């Protein structure tokens, strides 16, 4: 099984996969949103991905992660009933291992809001089935200090957090930026809040 790949991203596909060139061999790898940017020091620079090899009777699919903790969280999600690799990847694309563990510890259903395919029952299964199962994150191995991050309140805040996550920012970064934007500006519409949040992240 492939456990790690080191190379450069040669091509990005519209389905979310990338071709990682490793000494002339191209590997198709599916990445969670923002993983390539976190793994690369700069666009086109060499990167190292921690790989989960998913094997079925008719296919072998590679999923890549910036950290071993994100890969472990992905594997934990696969053990939850009704969650397959694509849905687990979407979840890790929105929150990293530490943020997922934090959401589970706080039983925060709203942390999963806006993730396509994750409904109320799926969230409940995650919160129950994975409670206490991501202890590696709380011990700090991810390098991210866990803390209770208040969710952005209001429809505009939620929309901006979602937009920033889609751009590749971590949820915690997006929420902090929206909080800073609200403190610095009285403009509470989506467009104004997004501009202020991006300014806070720059």
C-alpha atoms as a PDB file:
ATOM      1  CA  UNK A   1       0.000   0.000   0.000  1.00  0.00           C
ATOM      2  CA  UNK A   2       1.128   3.557  -0.653  1.00  0.00           C
ATOM      3  CA  UNK A   3       1.573   5.525   2.574  1.00  0.00           C
ATOM      4  CA  UNK A   4       3.236   8.721   1.390  1.00  0.00           C
ATOM      5  CA  UNK A   5       4.022  10.521  -1.861  1.00  0.00           C
ATOM      6  CA  UNK A   6       6.556  13.305  -2.366  1.00  0.00           C
ATOM      7  CA  UNK A   7       6.576  15.232  -5.627  1.00  0.00           C
ATOM      8  CA  UNK A   8       4.927  18.151  -7.375  1.00  0.00           C
ATOM      9  CA  UNK A   9       1.372  18.728  -8.558  1.00  0.00           C
ATOM     10  CA  UNK A  10       1.411  18.440 -12.324  1.00  0.00           C
ATOM     11  CA  UNK A  11      -2.291  18.883 -13.006  1.00  0.00           C
ATOM     12  CA  UNK A  12      -5.545  19.604 -11.160  1.00  0.00           C
ATOM     13  CA  UNK A  13      -8.762  17.913 -12.267  1.00  0.00           C
ATOM     14  CA  UNK A  14     -12.266  19.371 -11.982  1.00  0.00           C
ATOM     15  CA  UNK A  15     -13.351  16.399  -9.834  1.00  0.00           C
ATOM     16  CA  UNK A  16     -11.033  17.482  -7.004  1.00  0.00           C
ATOM     17  CA  UNK A  17      -8.181  15.135  -7.823  1.00  0.00           C
ATOM     18  CA  UNK A  18      -4.627  16.115  -8.709  1.00  0.00           C
ATOM     19  CA  UNK A  19      -1.837  14.388 -10.583  1.00  0.00           C
ATOM     20  CA  UNK A  20       1.240  14.209  -8.361  1.00  0.00           C
ATOM     21  CA  UNK A  21       4.433  13.738 -10.347  1.00  0.00           C
ATOM     22  CA  UNK A  22       6.895  11.543  -8.462  1.00  0.00           C
ATOM     23  CA  UNK A  23      10.092  11.069 -10.454  1.00  0.00           C
ATOM     24  CA  UNK A  24       8.203  10.987 -13.744  1.00  0.00           C
ATOM     25  CA  UNK A  25       5.318   8.834 -12.549  1.00  0.00           C
ATOM     26  CA  UNK A  26       1.930  10.552 -12.211  1.00  0.00           C
ATOM     27  CA  UNK A  27      -0.305   9.458  -9.344  1.00  0.00           C
ATOM     28  CA  UNK A  28      -3.955  10.487  -9.256  1.00  0.00           C
ATOM     29  CA  UNK A  29      -4.739  11.607  -5.712  1.00  0.00           C
ATOM     30  CA  UNK A  30      -7.963  13.022  -4.282  1.00  0.00           C
ATOM     31  CA  UNK A  31      -7.359  15.840  -1.806  1.00  0.00           C
ATOM     32  CA  UNK A  32      -9.582  17.563   0.742  1.00  0.00           C
ATOM     33  CA  UNK A  33     -10.184  21.219   0.010  1.00  0.00           C
ATOM     34  CA  UNK A  34      -7.110  23.321   0.777  1.00  0.00           C
ATOM     35  CA  UNK A  35      -4.780  20.351   1.417  1.00  0.00           C
ATOM     36  CA  UNK A  36      -2.485  21.132  -1.500  1.00  0.00           C
ATOM     37  CA  UNK A  37      -2.028  24.708  -0.337  1.00  0.00           C
ATOM     38  CA  UNK A  38      -1.211  23.571   3.216  1.00  0.00           C
ATOM     39  CA  UNK A  39       1.239  20.919   2.012  1.00  0.00           C
ATOM     40  CA  UNK A  40       3.043  23.163  -0.510  1.00  0.00           C
ATOM     41  CA  UNK A  41       5.285  25.965   0.702  1.00  0.00           C
ATOM     42  CA  UNK A  42       4.412  27.783  -2.540  1.00  0.00           C
ATOM     43  CA  UNK A  43       2.538  26.903  -5.753  1.00  0.00           C
ATOM     44  CA  UNK A  44       4.513  24.377  -7.811  1.00  0.00           C
ATOM     45  CA  UNK A  45       6.934  23.621  -4.982  1.00  0.00           C
ATOM     46  CA  UNK A  46       7.620  20.019  -3.919  1.00  0.00           C
ATOM     47  CA  UNK A  47       5.073  18.682  -1.477  1.00  0.00           C
ATOM     48  CA  UNK A  48       4.649  15.586   0.637  1.00  0.00           C
ATOM     49  CA  UNK A  49       1.241  13.963   1.060  1.00  0.00           C
ATOM     50  CA  UNK A  50       0.209  11.306   3.549  1.00  0.00           C
ATOM     51  CA  UNK A  51      -1.780   8.759   1.584  1.00  0.00           C
ATOM     52  CA  UNK A  52      -4.745   6.571   2.407  1.00  0.00           C
ATOM     53  CA  UNK A  53      -5.111   3.801  -0.182  1.00  0.00           C
ATOM     54  CA  UNK A  54      -8.762   2.836  -0.588  1.00  0.00           C
ATOM     55  CA  UNK A  55      -9.157  -0.561  -2.237  1.00  0.00           C
ATOM     56  CA  UNK A  56     -12.348  -1.986  -3.700  1.00  0.00           C
ATOM     57  CA  UNK A  57     -12.876  -4.963  -5.967  1.00  0.00           C
ATOM     58  CA  UNK A  58     -12.985  -2.748  -9.043  1.00  0.00           C
ATOM     59  CA  UNK A  59     -10.727   0.170  -8.118  1.00  0.00           C
ATOM     60  CA  UNK A  60      -7.853   1.468  -6.007  1.00  0.00           C
ATOM     61  CA  UNK A  61      -8.145   5.153  -5.080  1.00  0.00           C
ATOM     62  CA  UNK A  62      -5.557   7.355  -3.380  1.00  0.00           C
ATOM     63  CA  UNK A  63      -6.550  10.073  -0.905  1.00  0.00           C
ATOM     64  CA  UNK A  64      -3.889  12.556   0.188  1.00  0.00           C
ATOM     65  CA  UNK A  65      -3.561  14.667   3.349  1.00  0.00           C
ATOM     66  CA  UNK A  66      -1.218  17.378   4.571  1.00  0.00           C
ATOM     67  CA  UNK A  67      -0.771  15.722   7.999  1.00  0.00           C
ATOM     68  CA  UNK A  68      -0.911  12.226   9.462  1.00  0.00           C
ATOM     69  CA  UNK A  69      -3.566  13.461  11.900  1.00  0.00           C
ATOM     70  CA  UNK A  70      -5.876  14.513   9.063  1.00  0.00           C
ATOM     71  CA  UNK A  71      -5.407  11.089   7.503  1.00  0.00           C
ATOM     72  CA  UNK A  72      -6.207   9.399  10.834  1.00  0.00           C
ATOM     73  CA  UNK A  73      -9.351  11.525  11.200  1.00  0.00           C
ATOM     74  CA  UNK A  74     -10.379  10.566   7.653  1.00  0.00           C
ATOM     75  CA  UNK A  75      -9.939   6.893   8.517  1.00  0.00           C
ATOM     76  CA  UNK A  76     -11.977   7.343  11.699  1.00  0.00           C
ATOM     77  CA  UNK A  77     -14.789   8.940   9.707  1.00  0.00           C
ATOM     78  CA  UNK A  78     -14.833   5.942   7.353  1.00  0.00           C
ATOM     79  CA  UNK A  79     -15.831   3.771  10.320  1.00  0.00           C
ATOM     80  CA  UNK A  80     -19.012   5.803  10.850  1.00  0.00           C
ATOM     81  CA  UNK A  81     -22.087   4.212   9.299  1.00  0.00           C
ATOM     82  CA  UNK A  82     -23.126   5.729   5.946  1.00  0.00           C
ATOM     83  CA  UNK A  83     -19.889   7.719   5.497  1.00  0.00           C
ATOM     84  CA  UNK A  84     -17.826   6.782   2.461  1.00  0.00           C
ATOM     85  CA  UNK A  85     -14.471   8.192   1.352  1.00  0.00           C
ATOM     86  CA  UNK A  86     -15.879  11.086  -0.697  1.00  0.00           C
ATOM     87  CA  UNK A  87     -18.036  12.313   2.192  1.00  0.00           C
ATOM     88  CA  UNK A  88     -15.205  11.858   4.705  1.00  0.00           C
ATOM     89  CA  UNK A  89     -12.968  13.860   2.364  1.00  0.00           C
ATOM     90  CA  UNK A  90     -15.529  16.670   2.203  1.00  0.00           C
ATOM     91  CA  UNK A  91     -15.612  16.825   6.008  1.00  0.00           C
ATOM     92  CA  UNK A  92     -11.809  16.966   6.316  1.00  0.00           C
ATOM     93  CA  UNK A  93     -11.862  19.655   3.647  1.00  0.00           C
ATOM     94  CA  UNK A  94     -13.903  21.860   5.981  1.00  0.00           C
ATOM     95  CA  UNK A  95     -12.205  21.052   9.295  1.00  0.00           C
ATOM     96  CA  UNK A  96      -8.858  19.487  10.101  1.00  0.00           C
ATOM     97  CA  UNK A  97      -8.378  16.710  12.669  1.00  0.00           C
ATOM     98  CA  UNK A  98      -8.072  19.051  15.644  1.00  0.00           C
ATOM     99  CA  UNK A  99     -11.130  21.061  14.613  1.00  0.00           C
ATOM    100  CA  UNK A 100     -13.132  17.869  14.088  1.00  0.00           C
ATOM    101  CA  UNK A 101     -12.130  16.577  17.512  1.00  0.00           C
ATOM    102  CA  UNK A 102     -13.035  19.938  19.035  1.00  0.00           C
ATOM    103  CA  UNK A 103     -16.478  19.889  17.382  1.00  0.00           C
ATOM    104  CA  UNK A 104     -17.076  16.344  18.660  1.00  0.00           C
ATOM    105  CA  UNK A 105     -15.913  17.211  22.186  1.00  0.00           C
ATOM    106  CA  UNK A 106     -18.308  20.190  22.257  1.00  0.00           C
ATOM    107  CA  UNK A 107     -21.057  18.156  20.524  1.00  0.00           C
ATOM    108  CA  UNK A 108     -21.296  21.084  18.116  1.00  0.00           C
ATOM    109  CA  UNK A 109     -23.726  20.148  15.362  1.00  0.00           C
ATOM    110  CA  UNK A 110     -23.426  23.564  13.733  1.00  0.00           C
ATOM    111  CA  UNK A 111     -19.750  22.937  12.878  1.00  0.00           C
ATOM    112  CA  UNK A 112     -20.928  20.584  10.114  1.00  0.00           C
ATOM    113  CA  UNK A 113     -23.365  23.079   8.622  1.00  0.00           C
ATOM    114  CA  UNK A 114     -23.025  23.571   4.881  1.00  0.00           C
ATOM    115  CA  UNK A 115     -21.065  20.382   4.146  1.00  0.00           C
ATOM    116  CA  UNK A 116     -22.765  18.799   1.138  1.00  0.00           C
ATOM    117  CA  UNK A 117     -24.145  15.359   1.938  1.00  0.00           C
ATOM    118  CA  UNK A 118     -23.875  15.701   5.714  1.00  0.00           C
ATOM    119  CA  UNK A 119     -27.384  15.709   7.096  1.00  0.00           C
ATOM    120  CA  UNK A 120     -28.720  15.772  10.643  1.00  0.00           C
ATOM    121  CA  UNK A 121     -28.589  11.995  11.141  1.00  0.00           C
ATOM    122  CA  UNK A 122     -25.044  11.778   9.801  1.00  0.00           C
ATOM    123  CA  UNK A 123     -23.904  14.525  12.171  1.00  0.00           C
ATOM    124  CA  UNK A 124     -25.517  12.716  15.106  1.00  0.00           C
ATOM    125  CA  UNK A 125     -23.718   9.486  14.151  1.00  0.00           C
ATOM    126  CA  UNK A 126     -20.382  11.309  13.940  1.00  0.00           C
ATOM    127  CA  UNK A 127     -20.823  12.959  17.328  1.00  0.00           C
ATOM    128  CA  UNK A 128     -21.772   9.661  18.979  1.00  0.00           C
ATOM    129  CA  UNK A 129     -19.495   7.208  17.171  1.00  0.00           C
ATOM    130  CA  UNK A 130     -16.321   9.317  17.306  1.00  0.00           C
ATOM    131  CA  UNK A 131     -16.648  10.728  20.811  1.00  0.00           C
ATOM    132  CA  UNK A 132     -13.280  10.151  22.484  1.00  0.00           C
ATOM    133  CA  UNK A 133     -11.873   8.486  19.360  1.00  0.00           C
ATOM    134  CA  UNK A 134      -9.696  11.400  18.158  1.00  0.00           C
ATOM    135  CA  UNK A 135      -7.624  11.814  21.298  1.00  0.00           C
ATOM    136  CA  UNK A 136      -4.443  12.264  19.226  1.00  0.00           C
ATOM    137  CA  UNK A 137      -5.785  15.690  18.239  1.00  0.00           C
ATOM    138  CA  UNK A 138      -6.455  16.833  21.813  1.00  0.00           C
ATOM    139  CA  UNK A 139      -2.929  15.801  22.829  1.00  0.00           C
ATOM    140  CA  UNK A 140      -1.658  18.457  20.441  1.00  0.00           C
ATOM    141  CA  UNK A 141       0.009  16.275  17.807  1.00  0.00           C
ATOM    142  CA  UNK A 142      -1.530  18.337  15.070  1.00  0.00           C
ATOM    143  CA  UNK A 143       0.254  21.440  16.277  1.00  0.00           C
ATOM    144  CA  UNK A 144      -3.111  23.201  16.605  1.00  0.00           C
ATOM    145  CA  UNK A 145      -4.202  24.285  20.057  1.00  0.00           C
ATOM    146  CA  UNK A 146      -7.804  23.299  20.628  1.00  0.00           C
ATOM    147  CA  UNK A 147     -10.120  25.963  21.882  1.00  0.00           C
ATOM    148  CA  UNK A 148     -13.807  26.708  21.737  1.00  0.00           C
ATOM    149  CA  UNK A 149     -14.233  28.948  18.728  1.00  0.00           C
ATOM    150  CA  UNK A 150     -17.557  30.738  18.680  1.00  0.00           C
ATOM    151  CA  UNK A 151     -19.434  30.206  15.460  1.00  0.00           C
ATOM    152  CA  UNK A 152     -19.989  33.256  13.295  1.00  0.00           C
ATOM    153  CA  UNK A 153     -23.474  34.444  14.108  1.00  0.00           C
ATOM    154  CA  UNK A 154     -26.046  35.463  11.571  1.00  0.00           C
ATOM    155  CA  UNK A 155     -26.646  34.456   7.992  1.00  0.00           C
ATOM    156  CA  UNK A 156     -24.006  36.844   6.603  1.00  0.00           C
ATOM    157  CA  UNK A 157     -21.319  35.498   8.924  1.00  0.00           C
ATOM    158  CA  UNK A 158     -22.180  31.888   8.105  1.00  0.00           C
ATOM    159  CA  UNK A 159     -22.099  32.646   4.371  1.00  0.00           C
ATOM    160  CA  UNK A 160     -18.694  34.336   4.601  1.00  0.00           C
ATOM    161  CA  UNK A 161     -17.221  31.521   6.706  1.00  0.00           C
ATOM    162  CA  UNK A 162     -18.491  29.031   4.107  1.00  0.00           C
ATOM    163  CA  UNK A 163     -17.021  31.072   1.263  1.00  0.00           C
ATOM    164  CA  UNK A 164     -13.623  31.298   2.961  1.00  0.00           C
ATOM    165  CA  UNK A 165     -13.591  27.560   3.631  1.00  0.00           C
ATOM    166  CA  UNK A 166     -14.336  26.961  -0.060  1.00  0.00           C
ATOM    167  CA  UNK A 167     -11.319  29.168  -0.867  1.00  0.00           C
ATOM    168  CA  UNK A 168      -9.098  26.805   1.116  1.00  0.00           C
ATOM    169  CA  UNK A 169      -8.927  28.499   4.516  1.00  0.00           C
ATOM    170  CA  UNK A 170      -9.421  26.406   7.635  1.00  0.00           C
ATOM    171  CA  UNK A 171     -12.742  26.856   9.414  1.00  0.00           C
ATOM    172  CA  UNK A 172     -11.022  28.201  12.542  1.00  0.00           C
ATOM    173  CA  UNK A 173      -9.146  30.776  10.438  1.00  0.00           C
ATOM    174  CA  UNK A 174     -12.338  31.760   8.636  1.00  0.00           C
ATOM    175  CA  UNK A 175     -14.318  32.175  11.859  1.00  0.00           C
ATOM    176  CA  UNK A 176     -11.527  34.222  13.455  1.00  0.00           C
ATOM    177  CA  UNK A 177     -11.313  36.449  10.356  1.00  0.00           C
ATOM    178  CA  UNK A 178     -15.071  37.043  10.357  1.00  0.00           C
ATOM    179  CA  UNK A 179     -14.905  37.894  14.058  1.00  0.00           C
ATOM    180  CA  UNK A 180     -12.100  40.383  13.403  1.00  0.00           C
ATOM    181  CA  UNK A 181     -13.995  41.823  10.445  1.00  0.00           C
ATOM    182  CA  UNK A 182     -17.065  42.396  12.599  1.00  0.00           C
ATOM    183  CA  UNK A 183     -14.963  44.123  15.248  1.00  0.00           C
ATOM    184  CA  UNK A 184     -13.337  46.405  12.665  1.00  0.00           C
ATOM    185  CA  UNK A 185     -16.369  47.229  10.541  1.00  0.00           C
ATOM    186  CA  UNK A 186     -20.051  47.896  10.996  1.00  0.00           C
ATOM    187  CA  UNK A 187     -20.755  46.543   7.494  1.00  0.00           C
ATOM    188  CA  UNK A 188     -22.678  43.305   8.073  1.00  0.00           C
ATOM    189  CA  UNK A 189     -23.694  42.376   4.516  1.00  0.00           C
ATOM    190  CA  UNK A 190     -21.996  39.387   2.875  1.00  0.00           C
ATOM    191  CA  UNK A 191     -19.940  41.352   0.346  1.00  0.00           C
ATOM    192  CA  UNK A 192     -18.637  43.896   2.861  1.00  0.00           C
ATOM    193  CA  UNK A 193     -17.959  41.246   5.489  1.00  0.00           C
ATOM    194  CA  UNK A 194     -16.089  39.086   2.988  1.00  0.00           C
ATOM    195  CA  UNK A 195     -13.865  41.996   1.934  1.00  0.00           C
ATOM    196  CA  UNK A 196     -13.072  42.805   5.563  1.00  0.00           C
ATOM    197  CA  UNK A 197     -12.405  39.134   6.397  1.00  0.00           C
ATOM    198  CA  UNK A 198     -10.042  38.728   3.454  1.00  0.00           C
ATOM    199  CA  UNK A 199      -8.249  41.875   4.562  1.00  0.00           C
ATOM    200  CA  UNK A 200      -7.858  40.387   8.035  1.00  0.00           C
ATOM    201  CA  UNK A 201      -6.374  37.212   6.535  1.00  0.00           C
ATOM    202  CA  UNK A 202      -3.872  39.047   4.300  1.00  0.00           C
END
